[in-house]
N, C-alpha and C. Protein backbone atom coordinates (compact mmCIF):
# COMPACT_ATOMS: atom_id res chain seq x y z
N MET A 1 30.02 134.38 -28.33
CA MET A 1 31.34 133.56 -28.29
C MET A 1 32.13 133.91 -27.01
N TYR A 2 32.44 134.86 -26.96
CA TYR A 2 33.34 135.64 -25.67
C TYR A 2 32.80 136.89 -25.59
N ALA A 3 33.19 137.26 -24.41
CA ALA A 3 32.33 138.79 -23.80
C ALA A 3 33.77 139.24 -22.91
N ILE A 4 33.85 140.63 -22.83
CA ILE A 4 34.77 140.87 -21.75
C ILE A 4 34.05 142.01 -21.11
N SER A 5 33.78 141.73 -19.61
CA SER A 5 32.87 142.36 -18.66
C SER A 5 33.75 144.03 -18.77
N LEU A 6 32.53 144.97 -18.56
CA LEU A 6 33.14 146.14 -18.46
C LEU A 6 32.75 146.98 -17.16
N GLY A 7 32.48 146.02 -16.20
CA GLY A 7 31.92 146.31 -14.69
C GLY A 7 31.08 145.70 -14.19
N ASP A 8 30.41 145.98 -12.88
CA ASP A 8 29.43 145.34 -12.32
C ASP A 8 28.03 145.69 -12.78
N ASP A 9 27.69 146.60 -14.22
CA ASP A 9 26.32 146.92 -14.29
C ASP A 9 25.99 146.14 -15.64
N GLY A 10 26.78 145.08 -15.87
CA GLY A 10 26.11 144.36 -16.81
C GLY A 10 26.51 144.79 -18.25
N ALA A 11 27.72 145.56 -18.28
CA ALA A 11 28.05 146.01 -19.69
C ALA A 11 29.24 145.10 -20.24
N GLU A 12 29.12 144.83 -21.42
CA GLU A 12 30.10 143.90 -21.92
C GLU A 12 30.43 144.38 -23.24
N LEU A 13 31.80 144.11 -23.53
CA LEU A 13 32.47 144.37 -24.82
C LEU A 13 32.43 143.10 -25.79
N ARG A 14 31.91 143.09 -26.76
CA ARG A 14 31.95 141.77 -27.70
C ARG A 14 32.22 142.04 -29.04
N PRO A 15 32.70 140.88 -29.73
CA PRO A 15 32.58 140.92 -31.11
C PRO A 15 31.35 141.39 -31.89
N LEU A 16 31.37 142.43 -32.58
CA LEU A 16 30.11 142.69 -33.38
C LEU A 16 30.30 142.27 -34.89
N GLU A 17 29.64 141.25 -35.36
CA GLU A 17 29.78 140.42 -36.56
C GLU A 17 28.57 140.51 -37.37
N PRO A 18 28.59 139.96 -38.90
CA PRO A 18 27.51 139.93 -39.93
C PRO A 18 26.30 139.34 -39.34
N TRP A 19 26.75 138.24 -38.46
CA TRP A 19 25.32 137.44 -37.96
C TRP A 19 24.43 138.33 -37.09
N HIS A 20 25.09 139.42 -36.56
CA HIS A 20 24.51 140.31 -35.62
C HIS A 20 23.29 141.44 -36.28
N ALA A 21 23.39 141.20 -37.84
CA ALA A 21 22.37 142.20 -38.45
C ALA A 21 21.25 142.49 -37.80
N GLU A 22 20.45 141.81 -37.58
CA GLU A 22 19.11 141.88 -37.11
C GLU A 22 19.12 142.97 -35.59
N GLU A 23 20.04 142.41 -34.83
CA GLU A 23 20.06 143.24 -33.40
C GLU A 23 20.90 144.64 -33.76
N PHE A 24 21.81 144.61 -34.78
CA PHE A 24 22.60 146.02 -35.19
C PHE A 24 21.46 146.93 -35.80
N LEU A 25 20.54 146.59 -36.84
CA LEU A 25 19.60 146.99 -37.23
C LEU A 25 18.55 147.77 -36.04
N ALA A 26 18.17 146.87 -35.32
CA ALA A 26 17.12 147.48 -34.20
C ALA A 26 18.11 148.19 -33.37
N HIS A 27 19.37 148.28 -33.04
CA HIS A 27 19.97 148.96 -32.39
C HIS A 27 19.93 150.35 -33.08
N LEU A 28 20.26 150.51 -34.27
CA LEU A 28 20.39 151.58 -35.32
C LEU A 28 19.06 152.38 -35.24
N GLU A 29 18.01 151.66 -35.39
CA GLU A 29 16.82 152.22 -35.57
C GLU A 29 16.22 152.86 -33.99
N ARG A 30 16.53 152.26 -33.05
CA ARG A 30 16.38 153.02 -31.53
C ARG A 30 17.12 154.48 -31.51
N GLY A 31 18.37 154.47 -32.42
CA GLY A 31 19.16 155.56 -31.95
C GLY A 31 19.59 156.34 -33.28
N ARG A 32 18.97 155.87 -34.12
CA ARG A 32 19.48 156.82 -35.61
C ARG A 32 19.69 158.12 -35.53
N GLU A 33 18.85 158.78 -35.10
CA GLU A 33 18.73 160.45 -34.88
C GLU A 33 20.00 161.04 -34.05
N PHE A 34 19.98 160.16 -33.00
CA PHE A 34 21.17 160.46 -31.99
C PHE A 34 22.66 160.14 -32.51
N ILE A 35 22.58 158.80 -32.77
CA ILE A 35 23.99 158.54 -33.62
C ILE A 35 24.41 159.36 -34.72
N GLY A 36 23.58 159.84 -35.50
CA GLY A 36 23.69 160.50 -36.88
C GLY A 36 23.76 162.31 -36.45
N GLN A 37 23.82 162.66 -35.31
CA GLN A 37 24.09 164.10 -34.97
C GLN A 37 25.31 164.48 -35.82
N PHE A 38 26.46 163.70 -35.74
CA PHE A 38 27.83 164.08 -36.12
C PHE A 38 28.47 163.27 -37.14
N ILE A 39 28.04 162.05 -37.17
CA ILE A 39 28.62 161.05 -38.18
C ILE A 39 27.47 160.21 -38.85
N PRO A 40 27.94 159.78 -40.12
CA PRO A 40 26.87 159.00 -40.98
C PRO A 40 27.05 157.68 -40.25
N PHE A 41 27.53 157.21 -39.37
CA PHE A 41 27.70 155.80 -38.87
C PHE A 41 26.23 155.16 -38.88
N GLY A 42 26.20 153.72 -39.85
CA GLY A 42 25.27 152.97 -40.05
C GLY A 42 23.81 153.82 -40.72
N SER A 43 24.17 154.91 -41.33
CA SER A 43 23.17 155.31 -41.92
C SER A 43 22.65 154.56 -43.17
N LYS A 44 23.57 153.80 -43.82
CA LYS A 44 23.13 153.10 -44.93
C LYS A 44 22.70 151.76 -44.74
N ALA A 45 22.53 151.38 -43.52
CA ALA A 45 21.91 150.11 -42.94
C ALA A 45 20.34 150.68 -42.48
N THR A 46 19.63 150.07 -43.67
CA THR A 46 18.41 150.50 -43.39
C THR A 46 17.51 149.03 -43.43
N ASP A 47 17.82 148.06 -43.68
CA ASP A 47 17.06 147.00 -43.62
C ASP A 47 18.07 145.75 -43.35
N VAL A 48 17.53 144.45 -42.88
CA VAL A 48 18.35 143.63 -42.47
C VAL A 48 19.91 143.30 -43.41
N PRO A 49 19.43 142.89 -45.03
CA PRO A 49 20.64 142.85 -45.84
C PRO A 49 21.66 144.06 -45.59
N SER A 50 21.26 145.08 -45.76
CA SER A 50 22.38 146.28 -45.87
C SER A 50 22.83 146.60 -44.13
N ALA A 51 22.20 146.20 -43.25
CA ALA A 51 22.77 146.06 -41.97
C ALA A 51 24.14 144.90 -42.04
N ARG A 52 23.60 144.08 -42.55
CA ARG A 52 24.59 142.81 -42.68
C ARG A 52 25.72 143.38 -43.61
N ALA A 53 25.61 144.10 -44.63
CA ALA A 53 26.55 144.58 -45.37
C ALA A 53 27.47 145.72 -44.60
N VAL A 54 27.19 146.43 -43.79
CA VAL A 54 27.76 147.55 -43.01
C VAL A 54 28.79 146.33 -42.01
N LEU A 55 28.12 145.36 -41.60
CA LEU A 55 29.00 144.61 -40.56
C LEU A 55 29.82 143.77 -41.32
N GLN A 56 29.59 143.08 -42.51
CA GLN A 56 30.71 142.61 -43.36
C GLN A 56 31.75 143.54 -43.97
N ARG A 57 31.47 144.78 -43.90
CA ARG A 57 32.59 145.74 -44.29
C ARG A 57 33.73 145.55 -43.18
N TYR A 58 33.02 145.70 -42.00
CA TYR A 58 34.23 145.63 -40.90
C TYR A 58 34.74 144.39 -40.87
N ALA A 59 33.86 143.11 -40.92
CA ALA A 59 34.50 141.90 -40.74
C ALA A 59 35.88 141.77 -41.86
N ASP A 60 35.38 142.21 -43.05
CA ASP A 60 36.73 142.41 -43.98
C ASP A 60 37.75 143.17 -43.70
N LEU A 61 37.78 144.28 -43.15
CA LEU A 61 38.52 145.22 -42.51
C LEU A 61 39.23 144.33 -41.23
N ARG A 62 38.69 143.49 -40.41
CA ARG A 62 39.33 142.94 -39.50
C ARG A 62 40.04 141.81 -39.96
N ALA A 63 39.56 140.94 -41.11
CA ALA A 63 40.44 140.09 -41.68
C ALA A 63 41.62 140.66 -42.34
N ALA A 64 41.64 141.81 -42.78
CA ALA A 64 42.63 142.54 -43.51
C ALA A 64 43.68 143.18 -42.57
N ASP A 65 43.36 143.42 -41.21
CA ASP A 65 44.19 143.93 -40.11
C ASP A 65 44.20 145.32 -40.39
N THR A 66 43.04 146.02 -40.88
CA THR A 66 43.08 147.42 -41.10
C THR A 66 42.11 148.02 -40.19
N GLY A 67 41.13 147.22 -39.43
CA GLY A 67 40.16 148.03 -38.77
C GLY A 67 39.25 146.87 -37.96
N SER A 68 38.47 146.94 -36.91
CA SER A 68 37.41 146.23 -36.46
C SER A 68 36.31 147.01 -35.83
N LEU A 69 35.44 146.24 -35.53
CA LEU A 69 34.23 146.69 -34.59
C LEU A 69 33.85 145.93 -33.40
N HIS A 70 33.67 146.47 -32.61
CA HIS A 70 33.49 145.80 -31.44
C HIS A 70 32.13 146.73 -30.37
N GLY A 71 31.01 145.53 -30.31
CA GLY A 71 29.58 146.04 -29.90
C GLY A 71 29.81 146.36 -28.18
N LEU A 72 28.79 147.14 -27.84
CA LEU A 72 28.61 147.18 -26.36
C LEU A 72 27.33 147.01 -25.90
N TRP A 73 27.22 145.88 -25.28
CA TRP A 73 25.96 145.39 -24.82
C TRP A 73 25.71 145.73 -23.24
N LEU A 74 24.58 146.22 -23.01
CA LEU A 74 24.31 146.77 -21.77
C LEU A 74 23.12 145.73 -21.21
N GLU A 75 23.33 144.93 -20.50
CA GLU A 75 22.29 144.01 -19.87
C GLU A 75 21.63 143.13 -21.04
N GLY A 76 22.48 142.79 -21.80
CA GLY A 76 21.99 141.71 -22.92
C GLY A 76 21.50 142.50 -24.21
N THR A 77 21.55 144.10 -24.30
CA THR A 77 21.23 144.46 -25.53
C THR A 77 22.35 145.32 -26.04
N LEU A 78 22.34 145.35 -27.11
CA LEU A 78 23.33 146.05 -27.80
C LEU A 78 22.93 147.54 -27.66
N VAL A 79 23.75 148.45 -27.34
CA VAL A 79 23.36 149.81 -27.10
C VAL A 79 24.41 150.73 -27.88
N GLY A 80 25.57 150.11 -28.57
CA GLY A 80 26.73 151.08 -29.08
C GLY A 80 27.83 150.15 -29.21
N GLY A 81 28.97 150.94 -29.74
CA GLY A 81 30.22 150.14 -30.00
C GLY A 81 31.34 151.36 -30.23
N VAL A 82 32.34 150.58 -30.17
CA VAL A 82 33.83 151.17 -30.35
C VAL A 82 34.57 150.65 -31.49
N LEU A 83 35.30 151.18 -32.23
CA LEU A 83 35.80 150.85 -33.35
C LEU A 83 37.43 151.10 -33.51
N PHE A 84 37.98 150.40 -34.43
CA PHE A 84 39.37 150.79 -34.97
C PHE A 84 39.27 151.02 -36.26
N LEU A 85 39.85 152.32 -36.53
CA LEU A 85 39.86 152.60 -38.16
C LEU A 85 41.10 152.68 -38.59
N ASN A 86 41.70 152.68 -39.94
CA ASN A 86 42.77 153.05 -40.28
C ASN A 86 44.06 152.53 -39.17
N PHE A 87 43.89 151.11 -39.03
CA PHE A 87 44.71 150.27 -38.10
C PHE A 87 45.91 149.94 -38.84
N ASP A 88 47.06 150.43 -38.38
CA ASP A 88 48.41 150.03 -39.42
C ASP A 88 49.45 149.74 -38.35
N ALA A 89 49.27 148.45 -38.14
CA ALA A 89 50.21 147.80 -37.24
C ALA A 89 51.93 148.17 -37.65
N GLU A 90 52.37 148.01 -38.83
CA GLU A 90 53.49 148.26 -39.39
C GLU A 90 54.05 149.62 -39.18
N GLN A 91 53.11 150.55 -39.43
CA GLN A 91 53.59 152.15 -38.87
C GLN A 91 53.13 152.28 -37.45
N GLY A 92 52.48 151.46 -36.81
CA GLY A 92 52.34 151.83 -35.37
C GLY A 92 51.30 152.79 -35.02
N ASN A 93 50.24 153.11 -36.18
CA ASN A 93 49.17 154.12 -36.00
C ASN A 93 47.75 153.52 -36.11
N ALA A 94 47.04 154.08 -35.44
CA ALA A 94 45.57 153.59 -35.29
C ALA A 94 44.65 154.75 -35.09
N GLU A 95 43.54 154.39 -35.43
CA GLU A 95 42.36 155.45 -35.23
C GLU A 95 41.40 154.87 -34.38
N VAL A 96 40.55 155.36 -33.60
CA VAL A 96 39.47 154.63 -32.78
C VAL A 96 38.31 155.74 -32.96
N GLY A 97 37.11 155.02 -32.86
CA GLY A 97 36.09 155.72 -32.75
C GLY A 97 35.05 155.10 -31.76
N CYS A 98 33.64 155.46 -31.81
CA CYS A 98 32.65 155.12 -31.08
C CYS A 98 31.30 155.72 -31.68
N TRP A 99 30.30 154.92 -30.94
CA TRP A 99 28.75 155.50 -31.32
C TRP A 99 27.91 154.90 -30.13
N LEU A 100 26.93 155.39 -29.88
CA LEU A 100 25.91 155.15 -28.80
C LEU A 100 24.70 155.49 -29.15
N GLU A 101 23.65 154.75 -28.69
CA GLU A 101 22.25 155.28 -28.81
C GLU A 101 21.68 155.77 -27.28
N PRO A 102 20.84 156.30 -27.32
CA PRO A 102 20.71 157.22 -26.01
C PRO A 102 20.54 156.29 -24.88
N ALA A 103 20.14 155.02 -25.06
CA ALA A 103 20.13 154.27 -23.54
C ALA A 103 21.65 154.10 -23.05
N GLY A 104 22.60 154.12 -23.87
CA GLY A 104 23.80 153.51 -23.62
C GLY A 104 24.84 154.84 -22.81
N THR A 105 24.00 155.88 -22.99
CA THR A 105 24.93 157.21 -22.71
C THR A 105 24.83 157.68 -21.20
N GLY A 106 25.99 158.28 -20.67
CA GLY A 106 26.08 158.63 -19.28
C GLY A 106 26.48 157.55 -18.43
N ARG A 107 27.00 156.50 -18.99
CA ARG A 107 27.45 155.31 -18.12
C ARG A 107 28.89 155.15 -18.08
N GLY A 108 29.44 155.82 -18.93
CA GLY A 108 30.87 155.42 -18.93
C GLY A 108 31.37 154.50 -20.11
N LEU A 109 30.25 153.84 -20.66
CA LEU A 109 30.60 152.54 -21.51
C LEU A 109 31.90 152.86 -22.54
N VAL A 110 31.73 153.91 -23.16
CA VAL A 110 32.71 154.00 -24.23
C VAL A 110 34.08 154.38 -23.51
N THR A 111 34.15 155.02 -22.40
CA THR A 111 35.52 155.06 -21.86
C THR A 111 36.02 153.70 -21.10
N ARG A 112 35.06 153.00 -20.74
CA ARG A 112 35.77 151.76 -20.00
C ARG A 112 35.68 150.70 -21.42
N ALA A 113 35.18 150.67 -22.42
CA ALA A 113 35.46 149.89 -23.52
C ALA A 113 36.75 150.20 -24.39
N MET A 114 37.06 151.53 -24.30
CA MET A 114 38.06 152.22 -25.20
C MET A 114 39.32 151.93 -24.38
N ARG A 115 39.43 151.76 -22.97
CA ARG A 115 40.72 151.22 -22.31
C ARG A 115 40.94 150.01 -22.96
N VAL A 116 40.02 149.07 -23.06
CA VAL A 116 40.10 147.70 -23.24
C VAL A 116 41.13 147.81 -24.83
N LEU A 117 40.45 148.48 -25.63
CA LEU A 117 41.18 148.59 -26.98
C LEU A 117 42.46 149.30 -26.98
N LEU A 118 42.45 150.30 -26.09
CA LEU A 118 44.09 150.83 -26.12
C LEU A 118 45.01 149.95 -25.55
N ASP A 119 44.57 149.30 -24.62
CA ASP A 119 45.51 148.27 -23.76
C ASP A 119 45.86 147.23 -24.96
N PHE A 120 44.84 146.59 -25.87
CA PHE A 120 45.08 145.80 -26.91
C PHE A 120 45.89 146.49 -27.86
N ALA A 121 45.82 147.54 -28.18
CA ALA A 121 46.42 148.20 -29.35
C ALA A 121 48.02 148.38 -29.09
N VAL A 122 48.09 148.83 -27.82
CA VAL A 122 49.55 149.28 -27.37
C VAL A 122 50.43 148.05 -27.06
N GLU A 123 49.67 147.04 -26.03
CA GLU A 123 50.49 145.93 -25.56
C GLU A 123 50.58 144.78 -26.42
N GLN A 124 49.44 144.33 -26.92
CA GLN A 124 49.70 143.20 -27.81
C GLN A 124 49.82 143.60 -29.28
N ARG A 125 49.72 144.68 -29.82
CA ARG A 125 50.01 145.03 -31.37
C ARG A 125 51.06 145.88 -31.60
N GLY A 126 51.66 146.70 -30.50
CA GLY A 126 52.70 147.41 -30.81
C GLY A 126 52.44 148.79 -31.16
N ILE A 127 51.14 149.03 -31.28
CA ILE A 127 50.60 150.59 -31.69
C ILE A 127 51.12 151.60 -30.89
N HIS A 128 51.91 152.50 -31.63
CA HIS A 128 52.64 153.66 -30.81
C HIS A 128 51.63 155.17 -30.56
N ARG A 129 51.03 155.40 -31.85
CA ARG A 129 50.22 156.68 -31.63
C ARG A 129 48.31 156.21 -32.14
N ILE A 130 47.86 156.28 -31.11
CA ILE A 130 46.21 156.42 -31.41
C ILE A 130 45.42 157.68 -31.24
N GLU A 131 44.84 157.81 -32.44
CA GLU A 131 44.26 159.02 -32.75
C GLU A 131 42.61 158.91 -32.38
N TRP A 132 41.98 160.00 -31.97
CA TRP A 132 40.62 160.29 -32.01
C TRP A 132 40.45 161.46 -32.85
N VAL A 133 39.16 161.53 -33.86
CA VAL A 133 38.83 162.62 -34.52
C VAL A 133 37.45 162.70 -34.10
N ALA A 134 36.81 163.89 -33.74
CA ALA A 134 35.51 163.91 -33.50
C ALA A 134 35.15 165.65 -33.83
N ALA A 135 33.91 165.62 -34.19
CA ALA A 135 33.48 167.20 -34.32
C ALA A 135 33.66 168.06 -33.15
N SER A 136 33.86 169.24 -33.45
CA SER A 136 34.13 170.30 -32.09
C SER A 136 32.61 170.17 -31.31
N GLY A 137 31.57 170.06 -32.13
CA GLY A 137 30.20 170.13 -31.07
C GLY A 137 29.93 168.78 -30.41
N ASN A 138 30.61 167.85 -30.73
CA ASN A 138 30.41 166.53 -30.15
C ASN A 138 31.08 166.40 -28.81
N VAL A 139 30.67 167.08 -28.06
CA VAL A 139 31.25 167.34 -26.86
C VAL A 139 31.23 165.92 -25.87
N PRO A 140 30.37 165.13 -25.87
CA PRO A 140 30.71 163.66 -24.91
C PRO A 140 31.54 163.01 -25.63
N SER A 141 31.80 163.13 -27.06
CA SER A 141 33.24 162.38 -27.60
C SER A 141 34.42 162.78 -27.31
N LEU A 142 34.59 164.28 -27.18
CA LEU A 142 35.74 164.61 -26.95
C LEU A 142 35.94 164.50 -25.26
N ASN A 143 35.00 164.62 -24.34
CA ASN A 143 35.23 164.43 -23.27
C ASN A 143 35.71 162.91 -22.79
N VAL A 144 35.42 161.81 -23.74
CA VAL A 144 36.07 160.62 -23.63
C VAL A 144 37.50 160.79 -23.97
N ALA A 145 37.92 161.50 -25.19
CA ALA A 145 39.24 161.49 -25.35
C ALA A 145 40.28 162.19 -24.25
N ARG A 146 39.43 163.17 -23.49
CA ARG A 146 40.08 163.70 -22.19
C ARG A 146 40.11 162.73 -21.26
N ARG A 147 39.26 162.07 -20.79
CA ARG A 147 39.17 161.13 -20.00
C ARG A 147 40.37 159.84 -19.96
N LEU A 148 40.60 159.84 -21.14
CA LEU A 148 41.41 158.59 -21.51
C LEU A 148 43.00 159.13 -21.74
N GLY A 149 43.23 160.31 -21.32
CA GLY A 149 44.46 161.10 -21.37
C GLY A 149 44.83 161.65 -22.42
N MET A 150 44.18 161.77 -23.63
CA MET A 150 44.66 162.24 -24.92
C MET A 150 44.87 163.75 -24.99
N THR A 151 45.90 163.90 -25.84
CA THR A 151 46.07 165.44 -25.99
C THR A 151 45.46 165.75 -27.39
N ARG A 152 45.01 167.06 -27.09
CA ARG A 152 44.30 167.70 -28.50
C ARG A 152 45.27 168.14 -29.40
N ASP A 153 45.72 167.75 -30.55
CA ASP A 153 46.61 168.00 -31.33
C ASP A 153 46.34 169.12 -32.34
N GLY A 154 45.20 169.36 -32.59
CA GLY A 154 44.75 170.41 -33.42
C GLY A 154 43.26 170.54 -33.71
N VAL A 155 43.00 171.23 -34.34
CA VAL A 155 41.53 171.37 -35.14
C VAL A 155 41.84 171.50 -36.52
N ARG A 156 40.97 170.88 -37.37
CA ARG A 156 40.80 170.72 -39.06
C ARG A 156 39.60 171.74 -39.25
N ARG A 157 39.66 172.94 -39.25
CA ARG A 157 38.66 173.77 -39.37
C ARG A 157 37.82 173.47 -40.80
N GLN A 158 36.44 173.45 -40.12
CA GLN A 158 35.30 173.04 -41.14
C GLN A 158 35.73 172.02 -42.65
N ALA A 159 36.48 170.87 -41.79
CA ALA A 159 36.81 169.76 -42.66
C ALA A 159 35.64 168.89 -43.06
N HIS A 160 34.63 168.62 -42.27
CA HIS A 160 33.64 167.87 -42.20
C HIS A 160 32.32 168.29 -42.49
N PRO A 161 32.03 168.42 -44.08
CA PRO A 161 30.52 168.54 -44.54
C PRO A 161 29.83 167.49 -44.21
N TYR A 162 28.85 167.71 -43.44
CA TYR A 162 27.77 167.04 -42.73
C TYR A 162 26.46 167.33 -42.33
N GLY A 163 25.30 167.21 -42.87
CA GLY A 163 24.00 167.57 -42.03
C GLY A 163 23.77 168.92 -42.66
N GLY A 164 24.34 169.41 -43.83
CA GLY A 164 24.13 170.67 -44.26
C GLY A 164 25.20 171.50 -43.58
N LEU A 165 26.13 171.31 -43.07
CA LEU A 165 26.97 171.85 -42.44
C LEU A 165 28.30 171.71 -42.54
N ARG A 166 29.64 172.47 -42.21
CA ARG A 166 30.77 172.18 -42.14
C ARG A 166 31.11 172.37 -40.71
N HIS A 167 31.52 171.08 -40.13
CA HIS A 167 31.82 170.84 -39.08
C HIS A 167 33.40 170.89 -38.64
N ASP A 168 33.72 171.79 -37.79
CA ASP A 168 35.28 171.50 -37.24
C ASP A 168 35.81 170.03 -36.62
N LEU A 169 36.86 169.59 -37.22
CA LEU A 169 37.04 168.34 -36.68
C LEU A 169 38.29 168.44 -35.72
N GLU A 170 38.06 167.86 -34.48
CA GLU A 170 39.29 167.96 -33.53
C GLU A 170 40.23 166.70 -33.73
N VAL A 171 41.31 166.83 -33.41
CA VAL A 171 42.35 165.47 -33.84
C VAL A 171 43.05 165.57 -32.28
N TRP A 172 42.52 164.34 -31.56
CA TRP A 172 43.29 164.07 -30.34
C TRP A 172 44.04 162.84 -30.47
N SER A 173 45.15 162.66 -29.65
CA SER A 173 45.90 161.51 -29.62
C SER A 173 46.66 161.11 -28.46
N ILE A 174 46.97 160.05 -28.37
CA ILE A 174 47.56 159.63 -26.89
C ILE A 174 48.78 158.47 -27.78
N LEU A 175 50.02 158.69 -27.25
CA LEU A 175 51.17 157.77 -27.54
C LEU A 175 51.38 156.65 -26.47
N ALA A 176 51.98 155.46 -26.97
CA ALA A 176 52.25 154.44 -26.09
C ALA A 176 52.51 154.79 -24.65
N PRO A 177 53.66 155.48 -24.69
CA PRO A 177 54.27 155.74 -23.29
C PRO A 177 53.10 156.54 -22.39
N GLU A 178 52.52 157.35 -22.96
CA GLU A 178 51.48 158.23 -22.47
C GLU A 178 50.28 157.43 -21.89
N TRP A 179 49.91 156.58 -22.76
CA TRP A 179 48.88 155.64 -22.21
C TRP A 179 49.18 154.65 -21.29
N ARG A 180 50.73 154.21 -21.11
CA ARG A 180 51.17 153.44 -20.26
C ARG A 180 51.01 154.14 -18.69
N GLU A 181 51.34 155.52 -18.90
CA GLU A 181 51.49 156.21 -17.61
C GLU A 181 49.97 156.55 -17.30
N ALA A 182 49.00 157.02 -18.13
CA ALA A 182 47.84 157.03 -17.49
C ALA A 182 47.05 155.99 -17.01
N ARG A 183 47.40 154.86 -17.56
CA ARG A 183 47.00 153.53 -17.18
C ARG A 183 47.42 153.37 -15.58
N ALA A 184 48.67 153.59 -15.55
CA ALA A 184 49.27 153.11 -14.35
C ALA A 184 48.96 154.12 -13.07
N ARG A 185 48.63 155.60 -13.39
CA ARG A 185 47.76 156.55 -12.62
C ARG A 185 46.66 156.05 -12.14
N ALA A 186 45.85 155.68 -13.26
CA ALA A 186 44.34 154.95 -13.13
C ALA A 186 44.48 153.90 -11.94
N VAL A 187 45.29 153.00 -12.40
CA VAL A 187 45.35 151.91 -11.17
C VAL A 187 45.87 152.29 -9.85
N GLU A 188 46.87 153.41 -9.58
CA GLU A 188 46.96 154.17 -8.16
C GLU A 188 45.90 154.59 -7.92
N ASN A 189 45.11 155.29 -8.33
CA ASN A 189 43.90 155.84 -7.86
C ASN A 189 43.09 154.83 -7.36
N ASP A 190 42.80 153.92 -7.80
CA ASP A 190 41.81 152.77 -7.78
C ASP A 190 42.30 151.95 -6.19
N HIS A 191 43.48 152.24 -5.77
CA HIS A 191 43.95 151.70 -4.58
C HIS A 191 43.85 152.73 -3.50
């Protein structure tokens, strides 16, 4: 239906909806072990109906204006995505997250896509505080938070029991004025 170009490498940000269930499942199968290192995202999607159910859950969140899912396509192949969680326009708070299969890593896809989401949240929806939460061991995810100009608010020690371990969770955030400053600096550096 529509796509937002993320650069000259064929990367696009598009809606990820229930009708993408087969493509979503194929993507998860390619990246399941990698994606599942720190988060259970997509772990319940084991066939087309369950993949559709995962996507429908996010479609319902979007309809309720409390979350949304956005796919990352690289040269026509779904390789990951970004999402809003706990989106609360009334309070001006939102959480963002991401996932990628190995073929999508190392290209800055999440950072580029997240810039689109942050712009939308701040400028169109009036979100004041955007939060990023990731396991301390998930260095690539934490690096995205840094590249976006987020500040590390703190660590929730051993708060995330997953994969037989209790992971520390780092909480990072950026406020609307900080995002506008970071974006302006990025534009200046591009010229």
